[in-house]
N, C-alpha and C. Protein backbone atom coordinates (compact mmCIF):
# COMPACT_ATOMS: atom_id res chain seq x y z
N UNK A 1 0.84 -1.19 0.00
CA UNK A 1 0.00 0.00 0.00
C UNK A 1 0.88 1.25 0.00
N UNK A 2 0.38 2.27 -0.62
CA UNK A 2 1.15 3.50 -0.65
C UNK A 2 0.91 4.28 0.63
N UNK A 3 1.90 5.06 0.96
CA UNK A 3 1.78 5.90 2.15
C UNK A 3 0.93 7.12 1.83
N UNK A 4 0.21 7.55 2.77
CA UNK A 4 -0.66 8.71 2.58
C UNK A 4 0.16 9.95 2.25
N UNK A 5 -0.25 10.63 1.18
CA UNK A 5 0.38 11.89 0.81
C UNK A 5 1.71 11.75 0.10
N UNK A 6 2.09 10.54 -0.29
CA UNK A 6 3.36 10.34 -0.98
C UNK A 6 3.07 9.95 -2.43
N UNK A 7 3.16 10.92 -3.34
CA UNK A 7 2.81 10.68 -4.74
C UNK A 7 3.80 9.75 -5.43
N UNK A 8 5.01 9.60 -4.86
CA UNK A 8 6.00 8.72 -5.48
C UNK A 8 5.66 7.25 -5.30
N UNK A 9 4.81 6.94 -4.37
CA UNK A 9 4.38 5.55 -4.18
C UNK A 9 3.48 5.07 -5.30
N UNK A 10 2.79 5.98 -5.92
CA UNK A 10 1.90 5.60 -7.03
C UNK A 10 2.12 6.52 -8.23
N UNK A 11 3.38 6.67 -8.60
CA UNK A 11 3.75 7.61 -9.66
C UNK A 11 3.11 7.28 -11.00
N UNK A 12 2.97 6.01 -11.30
CA UNK A 12 2.37 5.63 -12.58
C UNK A 12 0.92 6.10 -12.66
N UNK A 13 0.17 5.85 -11.62
CA UNK A 13 -1.23 6.28 -11.59
C UNK A 13 -1.32 7.80 -11.62
N UNK A 14 -0.47 8.48 -10.87
CA UNK A 14 -0.47 9.94 -10.86
C UNK A 14 -0.17 10.48 -12.25
N UNK A 15 0.78 9.88 -12.94
CA UNK A 15 1.14 10.31 -14.28
C UNK A 15 -0.02 10.10 -15.25
N UNK A 16 -0.67 8.95 -15.16
CA UNK A 16 -1.81 8.68 -16.04
C UNK A 16 -2.92 9.69 -15.83
N UNK A 17 -3.31 9.91 -14.57
CA UNK A 17 -4.42 10.82 -14.32
C UNK A 17 -4.06 12.26 -14.68
N UNK A 18 -2.80 12.62 -14.54
CA UNK A 18 -2.37 13.94 -14.98
C UNK A 18 -2.55 14.08 -16.49
N UNK A 19 -2.13 13.05 -17.24
CA UNK A 19 -2.30 13.08 -18.69
C UNK A 19 -3.78 13.11 -19.07
N UNK A 20 -4.58 12.29 -18.42
CA UNK A 20 -6.02 12.26 -18.69
C UNK A 20 -6.64 13.64 -18.49
N UNK A 21 -6.34 14.26 -17.39
CA UNK A 21 -6.91 15.58 -17.11
C UNK A 21 -6.42 16.62 -18.11
N UNK A 22 -5.11 16.63 -18.38
CA UNK A 22 -4.53 17.63 -19.26
C UNK A 22 -5.00 17.45 -20.71
N UNK A 23 -5.04 16.21 -21.19
CA UNK A 23 -5.31 15.97 -22.60
C UNK A 23 -6.79 15.82 -22.94
N UNK A 24 -7.63 15.55 -21.96
CA UNK A 24 -9.01 15.27 -22.30
C UNK A 24 -10.00 16.04 -21.43
N UNK A 25 -9.98 15.85 -20.15
CA UNK A 25 -11.06 16.33 -19.29
C UNK A 25 -11.12 17.85 -19.20
N UNK A 26 -9.99 18.51 -19.08
CA UNK A 26 -10.00 19.97 -18.93
C UNK A 26 -10.50 20.69 -20.18
N UNK A 27 -10.54 20.01 -21.29
CA UNK A 27 -10.97 20.62 -22.54
C UNK A 27 -12.46 20.46 -22.80
N UNK A 28 -13.17 19.77 -21.93
CA UNK A 28 -14.56 19.43 -22.22
C UNK A 28 -15.48 19.71 -21.04
N UNK A 29 -16.74 19.87 -21.39
CA UNK A 29 -17.80 19.97 -20.40
C UNK A 29 -18.78 18.86 -20.72
N UNK A 30 -19.09 18.04 -19.74
CA UNK A 30 -19.96 16.89 -19.95
C UNK A 30 -21.36 17.20 -19.43
N UNK A 31 -22.37 16.79 -20.19
CA UNK A 31 -23.75 17.01 -19.78
C UNK A 31 -24.23 15.94 -18.81
N UNK A 32 -23.71 14.72 -18.96
CA UNK A 32 -24.12 13.62 -18.08
C UNK A 32 -22.89 12.82 -17.64
N UNK A 33 -23.07 12.05 -16.58
CA UNK A 33 -21.99 11.16 -16.14
C UNK A 33 -21.70 10.10 -17.18
N UNK A 34 -22.72 9.63 -17.86
CA UNK A 34 -22.54 8.62 -18.89
C UNK A 34 -21.67 9.15 -20.04
N UNK A 35 -21.90 10.39 -20.42
CA UNK A 35 -21.09 11.02 -21.45
C UNK A 35 -19.63 11.12 -21.01
N UNK A 36 -19.41 11.50 -19.76
CA UNK A 36 -18.05 11.59 -19.21
C UNK A 36 -17.41 10.21 -19.16
N UNK A 37 -18.16 9.21 -18.69
CA UNK A 37 -17.64 7.85 -18.60
C UNK A 37 -17.23 7.33 -19.98
N UNK A 38 -18.07 7.56 -20.98
CA UNK A 38 -17.77 7.09 -22.33
C UNK A 38 -16.55 7.80 -22.91
N UNK A 39 -16.41 9.09 -22.63
CA UNK A 39 -15.28 9.85 -23.14
C UNK A 39 -13.97 9.37 -22.51
N UNK A 40 -13.99 9.11 -21.21
CA UNK A 40 -12.79 8.59 -20.54
C UNK A 40 -12.45 7.21 -21.07
N UNK A 41 -13.45 6.37 -21.25
CA UNK A 41 -13.23 5.03 -21.82
C UNK A 41 -12.60 5.14 -23.21
N UNK A 42 -13.14 6.01 -24.05
CA UNK A 42 -12.59 6.20 -25.39
C UNK A 42 -11.15 6.70 -25.34
N UNK A 43 -10.86 7.61 -24.43
CA UNK A 43 -9.49 8.12 -24.28
C UNK A 43 -8.53 6.99 -23.95
N UNK A 44 -8.91 6.14 -23.01
CA UNK A 44 -8.03 5.06 -22.59
C UNK A 44 -7.89 4.00 -23.68
N UNK A 45 -8.98 3.52 -24.19
CA UNK A 45 -8.95 2.39 -25.11
C UNK A 45 -8.63 2.77 -26.56
N UNK A 46 -8.97 3.97 -26.99
CA UNK A 46 -8.78 4.34 -28.38
C UNK A 46 -7.53 5.19 -28.61
N UNK A 47 -7.06 5.88 -27.57
CA UNK A 47 -5.92 6.77 -27.76
C UNK A 47 -4.76 6.42 -26.84
N UNK A 48 -4.97 6.44 -25.55
CA UNK A 48 -3.87 6.30 -24.59
C UNK A 48 -3.17 4.96 -24.74
N UNK A 49 -3.88 3.87 -24.77
CA UNK A 49 -3.25 2.55 -24.86
C UNK A 49 -2.64 2.26 -26.23
N UNK A 50 -3.39 2.37 -27.32
CA UNK A 50 -2.81 1.95 -28.59
C UNK A 50 -1.99 3.00 -29.33
N UNK A 51 -2.24 4.29 -29.14
CA UNK A 51 -1.67 5.31 -30.00
C UNK A 51 -0.64 6.21 -29.30
N UNK A 52 -0.94 6.67 -28.10
CA UNK A 52 -0.12 7.68 -27.45
C UNK A 52 1.29 7.17 -27.18
N UNK A 53 2.28 7.95 -27.57
CA UNK A 53 3.68 7.57 -27.35
C UNK A 53 4.06 7.85 -25.91
N UNK A 54 4.87 6.96 -25.34
CA UNK A 54 5.29 7.08 -23.95
C UNK A 54 6.81 7.18 -23.88
N UNK A 55 7.31 8.09 -23.08
CA UNK A 55 8.75 8.28 -22.94
C UNK A 55 9.40 7.01 -22.43
N UNK A 56 8.79 6.34 -21.48
CA UNK A 56 9.36 5.12 -20.89
C UNK A 56 9.44 3.96 -21.88
N UNK A 57 8.70 4.05 -22.96
CA UNK A 57 8.72 2.99 -23.99
C UNK A 57 9.60 3.37 -25.17
N UNK A 58 10.50 4.30 -24.99
CA UNK A 58 11.34 4.73 -26.09
C UNK A 58 10.56 5.48 -27.15
N UNK A 59 9.57 6.25 -26.72
CA UNK A 59 8.68 7.03 -27.58
C UNK A 59 7.90 6.15 -28.55
N UNK A 60 7.52 4.96 -28.10
CA UNK A 60 6.65 4.08 -28.85
C UNK A 60 5.31 4.01 -28.14
N UNK A 61 4.27 3.74 -28.91
CA UNK A 61 2.98 3.50 -28.27
C UNK A 61 3.05 2.15 -27.57
N UNK A 62 2.20 1.91 -26.58
CA UNK A 62 2.22 0.61 -25.90
C UNK A 62 2.05 -0.57 -26.85
N UNK A 63 1.21 -0.42 -27.87
CA UNK A 63 1.00 -1.51 -28.82
C UNK A 63 2.28 -1.78 -29.61
N UNK A 64 2.93 -0.74 -30.12
CA UNK A 64 4.17 -0.91 -30.87
C UNK A 64 5.28 -1.45 -29.98
N UNK A 65 5.35 -0.98 -28.75
CA UNK A 65 6.37 -1.46 -27.82
C UNK A 65 6.18 -2.95 -27.55
N UNK A 66 4.94 -3.37 -27.35
CA UNK A 66 4.66 -4.78 -27.10
C UNK A 66 5.04 -5.63 -28.31
N UNK A 67 4.72 -5.17 -29.50
CA UNK A 67 5.10 -5.90 -30.72
C UNK A 67 6.61 -6.03 -30.83
N UNK A 68 7.31 -4.93 -30.52
CA UNK A 68 8.77 -4.94 -30.57
C UNK A 68 9.34 -5.95 -29.58
N UNK A 69 8.79 -6.02 -28.41
CA UNK A 69 9.26 -6.97 -27.40
C UNK A 69 9.02 -8.42 -27.84
N UNK A 70 7.90 -8.67 -28.46
CA UNK A 70 7.60 -10.02 -28.94
C UNK A 70 8.58 -10.42 -30.05
N UNK A 71 8.84 -9.50 -30.98
CA UNK A 71 9.80 -9.80 -32.05
C UNK A 71 11.20 -10.05 -31.50
N UNK A 72 11.60 -9.28 -30.50
CA UNK A 72 12.93 -9.49 -29.90
C UNK A 72 13.00 -10.83 -29.18
N UNK A 73 11.93 -11.21 -28.53
CA UNK A 73 11.90 -12.48 -27.81
C UNK A 73 11.96 -13.67 -28.78
N UNK A 74 11.38 -13.48 -29.97
CA UNK A 74 11.40 -14.53 -30.98
C UNK A 74 12.71 -14.55 -31.73
N UNK A 75 13.53 -13.53 -31.56
CA UNK A 75 14.82 -13.48 -32.23
C UNK A 75 14.77 -13.02 -33.67
N UNK A 76 13.72 -12.27 -34.01
CA UNK A 76 13.55 -11.78 -35.38
C UNK A 76 14.32 -10.51 -35.57
């Protein structure tokens, strides 16, 4: 468990939510909770996971990074 008030204990989650707020939520006004829920889902599944480049992945998207790791493991 993370210690209370220590953002370094959950840096990955803090980084994700910072990106979510900066790139999506602060730019929009939602009329309903369902609209907000769907928009956050679309951000995660349609942009953040497959497309968005991450510094920790050598500026590759998670999908491309995973493919690269599989090819390296196979010795291609």
